[in-house]
Amino acid sequence: MTDVTIREQSIAGIDWLVVSGPRSDAFRALGEHARDSIAAVQDAMPERAGLQRFTTTDKGRAALAAVTDASAADQPGPLADLRALAEGSGQDFEALLLANFRGDLGYDDGTGCSDLAWSRESAFIAHNEDGAPGLDGHFRFITLLLDGEQPVTAQWYPGFLPSNAWAVNAAGLAWGINHVQVAHPTVAAGRHYVARGLQGAKSLDDAVAYLREHPIAGGFTFTIGESGTGRSVTVESAAGQIATRTPTAESPLVWHTNHLRFLPTEIDAPASQSLDQATSHLGLYDESVDRGRVLDGLALPAGEPDVAWFTELMCDNPIPCGGVHRTAEGDDPLTTLCTTIVDLHAGRVHLRSPHGTSSIAVADFANGLG
């Protein structure tokens, strides 16, 4: 791994790793570099024991085998990334594999995260990354400058593929990802693995075509914006089905939380009870609906919104105070770890976390130039 370099820096008070080199060697080195954080995040997963129990049942074993085989056929590169990460970190590959299939097995995974896309005269996408408070300090940004591949910067939870939260690539695409619970997944590749492949998209149209060509077993929603053109699209991908929506002049705001809005709602109909009480504190279907109700009832600005408008909604005001910021107070189990607002026409990313704020050009962020 002598050709791999890992540079440490920070943005908005969040650690930021810039990893350069051959793909497999880079992920192996990343695993070694973040060994302690990977172990801590994996050990803290509330659903870990339940997932392991689930996959000892006939239903669980069949689901895991099906999604593993489909991922190996459709996404061999991301699967190899995870294996190299496991090797470097000293973690059992099968354990990381199972963690990265949560949400693809019909097993409860809680809720979290909100996304907005706006396009009229101005154009923005915005993402709140909501997670357990204990992840603060482990959650970080990572830039992958891999030999022969397009640079990408993503939000990263150590031990997971850097593809399940938010990303920006050197083609000027930025997107947020929201988890959607699927009670009965289809036989297809795992969502983290397909989302890792999305990082190679060259345009908004390319990204949508890729997601249509690569269905996922579980459920993700992608809110994707294209820097420069200002175009954006929200893509629901769940249980092998795809639906898209784009902002229009008459309806310039498209929002998403953690339940389906465009695909048939029976796909993510809430279970009568959680499969494992360990996940019940992560937030359930009704919590996502509550955030959606706030976003659906927003009074839109008479003119064009600015960064401050999104910041107030996503960083300053929690439910029921007219926003979707999460505080881990009272009945709320999650906190907003980072808010990311992208001004698509200006080509700038604005970040706010509990530890600081930053603004950076899309191209610089994608290429790790802090």
Protein backbone atom coordinates (compact mmCIF):
# COMPACT_ATOMS: atom_id res chain seq x y z
CA MET A 1 0.00 0.00 0.00
CA THR A 2 2.99 2.26 -0.55
CA ASP A 3 1.13 4.08 -3.35
CA VAL A 4 -1.75 5.08 -1.06
CA THR A 5 -1.86 8.43 0.74
CA ILE A 6 -4.39 9.54 3.35
CA ARG A 7 -4.53 13.24 4.14
CA GLU A 8 -6.38 14.51 7.20
CA GLN A 9 -8.20 17.83 7.22
CA SER A 10 -11.58 19.13 8.38
CA ILE A 11 -14.57 21.11 7.20
CA ALA A 12 -17.42 22.62 9.27
CA GLY A 13 -15.74 21.08 12.30
CA ILE A 14 -16.04 17.54 10.84
CA ASP A 15 -13.01 15.36 10.13
CA TRP A 16 -12.31 14.96 6.40
CA LEU A 17 -10.08 12.23 4.96
CA VAL A 18 -8.66 12.45 1.43
CA VAL A 19 -7.62 9.00 0.18
CA SER A 20 -5.53 8.58 -2.99
CA GLY A 21 -4.23 5.50 -4.76
CA PRO A 22 -5.26 2.19 -6.36
CA ARG A 23 -8.84 1.29 -5.44
CA SER A 24 -8.37 -1.91 -3.43
CA ASP A 25 -5.23 -0.69 -1.70
CA ALA A 26 -6.95 2.60 -0.85
CA PHE A 27 -9.88 0.89 0.85
CA ARG A 28 -7.54 -1.46 2.70
CA ALA A 29 -5.49 1.51 3.93
CA LEU A 30 -8.68 3.37 4.89
CA GLY A 31 -9.75 0.39 6.97
CA GLU A 32 -6.44 0.36 8.79
CA HIS A 33 -6.46 4.14 9.29
CA ALA A 34 -10.00 4.19 10.73
CA ARG A 35 -9.76 0.86 12.55
CA ASP A 36 -10.86 2.20 15.94
CA SER A 37 -13.81 4.19 14.55
CA ILE A 38 -14.98 1.25 12.46
CA ALA A 39 -14.97 -1.00 15.53
CA ALA A 40 -16.77 1.62 17.62
CA VAL A 41 -19.50 2.29 15.05
CA GLN A 42 -20.12 -1.38 14.38
CA ASP A 43 -20.21 -2.27 18.08
CA ALA A 44 -22.71 0.56 18.69
CA MET A 45 -25.19 -0.56 16.00
CA PRO A 46 -28.42 -1.19 17.93
CA GLU A 47 -29.72 -3.54 15.25
CA ARG A 48 -26.52 -5.59 14.95
CA ALA A 49 -27.53 -8.45 17.28
CA GLY A 50 -31.03 -8.54 15.83
CA LEU A 51 -29.71 -8.73 12.27
CA GLN A 52 -27.47 -11.61 13.27
CA ARG A 53 -30.40 -13.43 14.87
CA PHE A 54 -32.58 -12.75 11.84
CA THR A 55 -30.05 -14.33 9.49
CA THR A 56 -30.06 -17.54 11.52
CA THR A 57 -33.71 -18.06 10.56
CA ASP A 58 -34.74 -19.71 7.30
CA LYS A 59 -36.23 -16.44 6.05
CA GLY A 60 -33.18 -14.45 7.04
CA ARG A 61 -30.70 -16.88 5.51
CA ALA A 62 -32.62 -16.93 2.23
CA ALA A 63 -32.84 -13.13 2.10
CA LEU A 64 -29.13 -12.68 2.84
CA ALA A 65 -28.09 -15.26 0.24
CA ALA A 66 -30.31 -13.70 -2.44
CA VAL A 67 -29.10 -10.12 -1.93
CA THR A 68 -25.47 -11.24 -1.66
CA ASP A 69 -25.62 -13.13 -4.94
CA ALA A 70 -27.42 -10.25 -6.69
CA SER A 71 -24.89 -7.72 -5.40
CA ALA A 72 -21.96 -9.86 -6.52
CA ALA A 73 -23.46 -10.08 -10.02
CA ASP A 74 -24.46 -6.41 -10.36
CA GLN A 75 -21.93 -4.56 -8.18
CA PRO A 76 -18.70 -6.56 -7.87
CA GLY A 77 -16.58 -3.41 -7.47
CA PRO A 78 -18.35 -2.06 -4.35
CA LEU A 79 -18.41 -5.56 -2.89
CA ALA A 80 -14.63 -5.71 -3.34
CA ASP A 81 -14.34 -2.25 -1.72
CA LEU A 82 -16.04 -3.58 1.39
CA ARG A 83 -13.86 -6.68 1.51
CA ALA A 84 -10.71 -4.55 1.33
CA LEU A 85 -12.08 -2.23 4.03
CA ALA A 86 -12.72 -5.24 6.27
CA GLU A 87 -9.23 -6.60 5.68
CA GLY A 88 -7.60 -3.32 6.62
CA SER A 89 -9.74 -2.79 9.70
CA GLY A 90 -9.43 -6.30 11.08
CA GLN A 91 -13.23 -6.64 11.08
CA ASP A 92 -14.93 -9.82 9.97
CA PHE A 93 -16.04 -9.35 6.36
CA GLU A 94 -19.31 -11.21 6.87
CA ALA A 95 -20.19 -8.89 9.76
CA LEU A 96 -19.57 -5.76 7.65
CA LEU A 97 -21.42 -7.35 4.75
CA LEU A 98 -24.47 -7.91 6.94
CA ALA A 99 -24.33 -4.36 8.32
CA ASN A 100 -24.24 -2.97 4.80
CA PHE A 101 -27.30 -5.03 3.87
CA ARG A 102 -29.48 -3.56 6.61
CA GLY A 103 -32.56 -2.21 4.89
CA ASP A 104 -32.26 -4.83 2.13
CA LEU A 105 -33.47 -7.78 4.19
CA GLY A 106 -36.93 -6.68 5.30
CA TYR A 107 -35.55 -5.83 8.72
CA ASP A 108 -36.46 -2.62 10.59
CA ASP A 109 -33.92 0.19 10.30
CA GLY A 110 -35.55 3.25 11.87
CA THR A 111 -35.76 6.60 10.09
CA GLY A 112 -33.75 9.80 9.76
CA CYS A 113 -32.76 12.49 7.21
CA SER A 114 -34.68 15.06 5.17
CA ASP A 115 -34.07 16.35 1.62
CA LEU A 116 -35.25 19.31 -0.41
CA ALA A 117 -34.87 20.25 -4.07
CA TRP A 118 -35.80 23.72 -5.34
CA SER A 119 -35.71 24.92 -8.92
CA ARG A 120 -37.22 28.10 -10.35
CA GLU A 121 -35.00 31.12 -10.97
CA SER A 122 -32.63 29.83 -8.30
CA ALA A 123 -31.74 26.17 -7.76
CA PHE A 124 -30.80 24.33 -4.58
CA ILE A 125 -30.69 20.90 -3.04
CA ALA A 126 -30.40 20.47 0.73
CA HIS A 127 -29.87 17.46 2.99
CA ASN A 128 -30.07 16.91 6.75
CA GLU A 129 -28.01 13.92 7.86
CA ASP A 130 -29.68 12.71 11.05
CA GLY A 131 -28.08 10.02 13.16
CA ALA A 132 -27.63 8.73 16.68
CA PRO A 133 -25.81 11.23 18.92
CA GLY A 134 -23.15 8.64 19.69
CA LEU A 135 -22.02 8.76 16.05
CA ASP A 136 -20.86 12.35 16.44
CA GLY A 137 -17.07 12.21 16.34
CA HIS A 138 -17.02 9.10 14.11
CA PHE A 139 -19.16 10.49 11.27
CA ARG A 140 -16.90 12.26 8.75
CA PHE A 141 -16.29 13.22 5.13
CA ILE A 142 -14.12 11.14 2.85
CA THR A 143 -12.74 12.00 -0.60
CA LEU A 144 -11.82 9.09 -2.87
CA LEU A 145 -9.17 9.98 -5.46
CA LEU A 146 -8.82 6.49 -6.89
CA ASP A 147 -6.63 5.66 -9.85
CA GLY A 148 -8.60 5.88 -13.12
CA GLU A 149 -11.85 6.88 -11.41
CA GLN A 150 -13.86 10.06 -11.04
CA PRO A 151 -13.18 11.87 -7.74
CA VAL A 152 -15.98 11.87 -5.20
CA THR A 153 -16.48 13.19 -1.68
CA ALA A 154 -19.06 11.51 0.55
CA GLN A 155 -20.32 11.56 4.09
CA TRP A 156 -19.07 8.39 5.79
CA TYR A 157 -20.03 6.21 8.71
CA PRO A 158 -16.96 4.03 9.38
CA GLY A 159 -17.53 0.39 8.50
CA PHE A 160 -20.11 1.20 5.84
CA LEU A 161 -19.49 1.88 2.19
CA PRO A 162 -19.18 5.68 1.78
CA SER A 163 -22.40 5.81 -0.22
CA ASN A 164 -25.45 5.87 2.05
CA ALA A 165 -25.77 9.54 3.07
CA TRP A 166 -24.58 12.42 0.84
CA ALA A 167 -22.06 12.81 -1.98
CA VAL A 168 -20.67 15.22 -4.58
CA ASN A 169 -18.57 14.13 -7.56
CA ALA A 170 -16.20 15.77 -10.02
CA ALA A 171 -18.93 15.88 -12.69
CA GLY A 172 -20.70 18.49 -10.55
CA LEU A 173 -23.46 16.19 -9.30
CA ALA A 174 -24.49 16.36 -5.64
CA TRP A 175 -27.10 14.23 -3.92
CA GLY A 176 -28.60 13.33 -0.59
CA ILE A 177 -29.91 9.86 0.25
CA ASN A 178 -32.82 8.96 2.49
CA HIS A 179 -33.49 5.52 3.89
CA VAL A 180 -36.88 3.99 3.06
CA GLN A 181 -38.02 0.89 4.92
CA VAL A 182 -39.15 -1.96 2.65
CA ALA A 183 -41.08 -4.77 4.29
CA HIS A 184 -40.67 -7.21 1.39
CA PRO A 185 -37.47 -6.56 -0.59
CA THR A 186 -37.05 -7.84 -4.11
CA VAL A 187 -34.14 -9.95 -5.33
CA ALA A 188 -31.68 -7.26 -6.45
CA ALA A 189 -28.40 -5.69 -5.41
CA GLY A 190 -28.07 -4.05 -2.01
CA ARG A 191 -28.78 -0.33 -1.85
CA HIS A 192 -25.35 0.70 -0.47
CA TYR A 193 -23.62 -1.08 -3.34
CA VAL A 194 -25.77 0.48 -6.07
CA ALA A 195 -25.32 3.88 -4.44
CA ARG A 196 -21.54 3.43 -4.52
CA GLY A 197 -21.75 2.80 -8.26
CA LEU A 198 -23.80 5.96 -8.72
CA GLN A 199 -20.72 7.98 -7.79
CA GLY A 200 -19.36 7.43 -11.30
CA ALA A 201 -22.28 9.23 -13.01
CA LYS A 202 -21.27 11.99 -15.45
CA SER A 203 -24.54 13.97 -15.66
CA LEU A 204 -28.01 14.17 -14.14
CA ASP A 205 -29.45 12.15 -17.02
CA ASP A 206 -26.68 9.58 -16.60
CA ALA A 207 -27.48 9.28 -12.89
CA VAL A 208 -31.19 8.67 -13.48
CA ALA A 209 -30.46 6.15 -16.24
CA TYR A 210 -28.03 4.33 -13.94
CA LEU A 211 -30.60 4.06 -11.15
CA ARG A 212 -33.21 2.77 -13.62
CA GLU A 213 -30.76 0.14 -14.85
CA HIS A 214 -29.69 -0.93 -11.35
CA PRO A 215 -32.70 -1.59 -9.09
CA ILE A 216 -32.15 -2.20 -5.39
CA ALA A 217 -33.49 -4.80 -2.99
CA GLY A 218 -34.45 -2.36 -0.24
CA GLY A 219 -35.27 1.32 -0.43
CA PHE A 220 -33.40 4.60 -0.95
CA THR A 221 -34.50 8.00 -2.19
CA PHE A 222 -31.92 10.07 -4.07
CA THR A 223 -32.31 13.86 -4.35
CA ILE A 224 -29.82 14.78 -7.09
CA GLY A 225 -28.77 18.21 -8.31
CA GLU A 226 -26.53 19.22 -11.20
CA SER A 227 -24.19 22.13 -10.56
CA GLY A 228 -24.24 24.76 -13.29
CA THR A 229 -27.45 23.74 -15.03
CA GLY A 230 -29.50 23.93 -11.83
CA ARG A 231 -31.48 20.84 -12.78
CA SER A 232 -32.54 18.43 -10.06
CA VAL A 233 -34.56 15.26 -9.64
CA THR A 234 -35.81 13.12 -6.77
CA VAL A 235 -35.64 9.39 -7.42
CA GLU A 236 -37.45 6.83 -5.29
CA SER A 237 -35.88 3.38 -5.71
CA ALA A 238 -37.50 0.65 -3.65
CA ALA A 239 -38.06 -3.09 -4.00
CA GLY A 240 -36.96 -3.01 -7.64
CA GLN A 241 -39.25 -0.13 -8.64
CA ILE A 242 -38.35 3.45 -9.65
CA ALA A 243 -40.28 6.73 -9.65
CA THR A 244 -38.98 10.26 -10.29
CA ARG A 245 -40.16 13.83 -9.69
CA THR A 246 -38.61 17.13 -10.76
CA PRO A 247 -39.37 20.64 -9.49
CA THR A 248 -41.40 22.83 -11.87
CA ALA A 249 -42.10 26.55 -12.09
CA GLU A 250 -45.59 25.91 -10.70
CA SER A 251 -44.33 23.56 -7.97
CA PRO A 252 -40.67 24.49 -7.40
CA LEU A 253 -40.11 22.51 -4.18
CA VAL A 254 -39.81 18.72 -3.97
CA TRP A 255 -39.22 17.27 -0.50
CA HIS A 256 -38.54 13.83 0.87
CA THR A 257 -38.17 12.22 4.28
CA ASN A 258 -38.22 8.45 4.97
CA HIS A 259 -41.46 7.24 3.48
CA LEU A 260 -42.54 6.78 -0.12
CA ARG A 261 -44.44 9.56 -1.87
CA PHE A 262 -44.47 8.42 -5.52
CA LEU A 263 -44.22 4.63 -5.55
CA PRO A 264 -47.04 2.44 -4.22
CA THR A 265 -47.22 3.01 -0.47
CA GLU A 266 -47.75 -0.65 0.31
CA ILE A 267 -44.03 -1.14 -0.40
CA ASP A 268 -43.14 0.70 2.80
CA ALA A 269 -46.34 0.19 4.80
CA PRO A 270 -45.33 0.24 8.49
CA ALA A 271 -45.07 -3.12 10.19
CA SER A 272 -47.55 -3.87 12.95
CA GLN A 273 -44.59 -4.03 15.28
CA SER A 274 -40.85 -3.62 15.06
CA LEU A 275 -39.00 -6.84 14.25
CA ASP A 276 -36.56 -5.91 17.00
CA GLN A 277 -37.14 -3.50 19.85
CA ALA A 278 -33.49 -2.44 19.57
CA THR A 279 -34.41 -0.38 16.51
CA SER A 280 -37.62 1.14 17.82
CA HIS A 281 -35.78 4.10 19.36
CA LEU A 282 -34.31 5.07 15.98
CA GLY A 283 -37.63 6.53 14.87
CA LEU A 284 -40.58 4.90 13.12
CA TYR A 285 -42.79 5.54 10.10
CA ASP A 286 -44.99 8.10 11.85
CA GLU A 287 -41.96 10.25 12.71
CA SER A 288 -41.10 10.49 9.01
CA VAL A 289 -44.70 11.40 8.22
CA ASP A 290 -44.54 14.18 10.82
CA ARG A 291 -41.49 15.74 9.15
CA GLY A 292 -43.16 15.35 5.78
CA ARG A 293 -46.22 17.17 7.06
CA VAL A 294 -44.04 20.11 8.08
CA LEU A 295 -42.37 20.25 4.67
CA ASP A 296 -45.64 19.85 2.82
CA GLY A 297 -47.14 22.76 4.72
CA LEU A 298 -44.28 25.21 4.18
CA ALA A 299 -45.12 28.74 3.19
CA LEU A 300 -42.95 29.15 0.11
CA PRO A 301 -41.05 32.41 -0.31
CA ALA A 302 -42.67 34.96 -2.60
CA GLY A 303 -39.36 35.40 -4.38
CA GLU A 304 -36.43 33.04 -4.46
CA PRO A 305 -35.07 31.31 -1.34
CA ASP A 306 -31.47 31.77 -0.26
CA VAL A 307 -29.10 29.75 1.90
CA ALA A 308 -30.52 31.45 5.01
CA TRP A 309 -34.05 30.20 4.18
CA PHE A 310 -32.85 26.58 4.04
CA THR A 311 -30.69 27.04 7.13
CA GLU A 312 -33.61 28.26 9.22
CA LEU A 313 -35.75 25.33 8.14
CA MET A 314 -33.11 22.62 8.50
CA CYS A 315 -30.77 23.90 11.22
CA ASP A 316 -32.72 26.25 13.46
CA ASN A 317 -36.27 24.97 13.79
CA PRO A 318 -37.29 21.49 14.97
CA ILE A 319 -40.75 19.95 14.92
CA PRO A 320 -43.22 21.43 15.92
CA CYS A 321 -41.57 24.82 15.39
CA GLY A 322 -41.79 24.86 11.59
CA GLY A 323 -38.62 22.96 10.71
CA VAL A 324 -37.07 19.49 10.49
CA HIS A 325 -33.91 19.99 12.57
CA ARG A 326 -33.41 17.10 14.98
CA THR A 327 -32.14 17.56 18.52
CA ALA A 328 -32.09 14.17 20.30
CA GLU A 329 -34.20 15.85 22.99
CA GLY A 330 -37.46 14.65 24.47
CA ASP A 331 -38.90 11.87 22.31
CA ASP A 332 -36.49 12.51 19.42
CA PRO A 333 -33.83 9.76 19.31
CA LEU A 334 -31.70 11.35 16.58
CA THR A 335 -29.71 14.52 16.06
CA THR A 336 -28.79 16.42 12.90
CA LEU A 337 -25.10 15.62 12.42
CA CYS A 338 -24.69 17.83 9.35
CA THR A 339 -26.76 20.06 7.08
CA THR A 340 -25.55 20.36 3.49
CA ILE A 341 -27.04 23.02 1.20
CA VAL A 342 -25.89 23.19 -2.43
CA ASP A 343 -26.45 26.34 -4.47
CA LEU A 344 -26.49 24.71 -7.89
CA HIS A 345 -26.19 27.87 -10.00
CA ALA A 346 -23.35 29.29 -7.88
CA GLY A 347 -21.65 25.89 -7.62
CA ARG A 348 -21.13 26.15 -3.87
CA VAL A 349 -21.71 23.79 -0.97
CA HIS A 350 -22.69 25.30 2.39
CA LEU A 351 -22.24 23.12 5.46
CA ARG A 352 -23.32 23.42 9.05
CA SER A 353 -22.72 20.99 11.89
CA PRO A 354 -22.85 21.28 15.67
CA HIS A 355 -19.14 22.07 15.44
CA GLY A 356 -18.95 24.76 12.76
CA THR A 357 -19.92 26.13 9.36
CA SER A 358 -18.12 26.21 6.00
CA SER A 359 -18.67 27.14 2.36
CA ILE A 360 -16.72 25.58 -0.48
CA ALA A 361 -16.89 25.31 -4.27
CA VAL A 362 -18.49 22.11 -5.55
CA ALA A 363 -15.41 21.27 -7.64
CA ASP A 364 -13.03 21.82 -4.73
CA PHE A 365 -15.13 19.70 -2.38
CA ALA A 366 -15.39 16.84 -4.87
CA ASN A 367 -11.62 16.83 -5.36
CA GLY A 368 -10.69 17.06 -1.68
CA LEU A 369 -9.32 20.59 -1.89
CA GLY A 370 -10.12 21.96 1.56
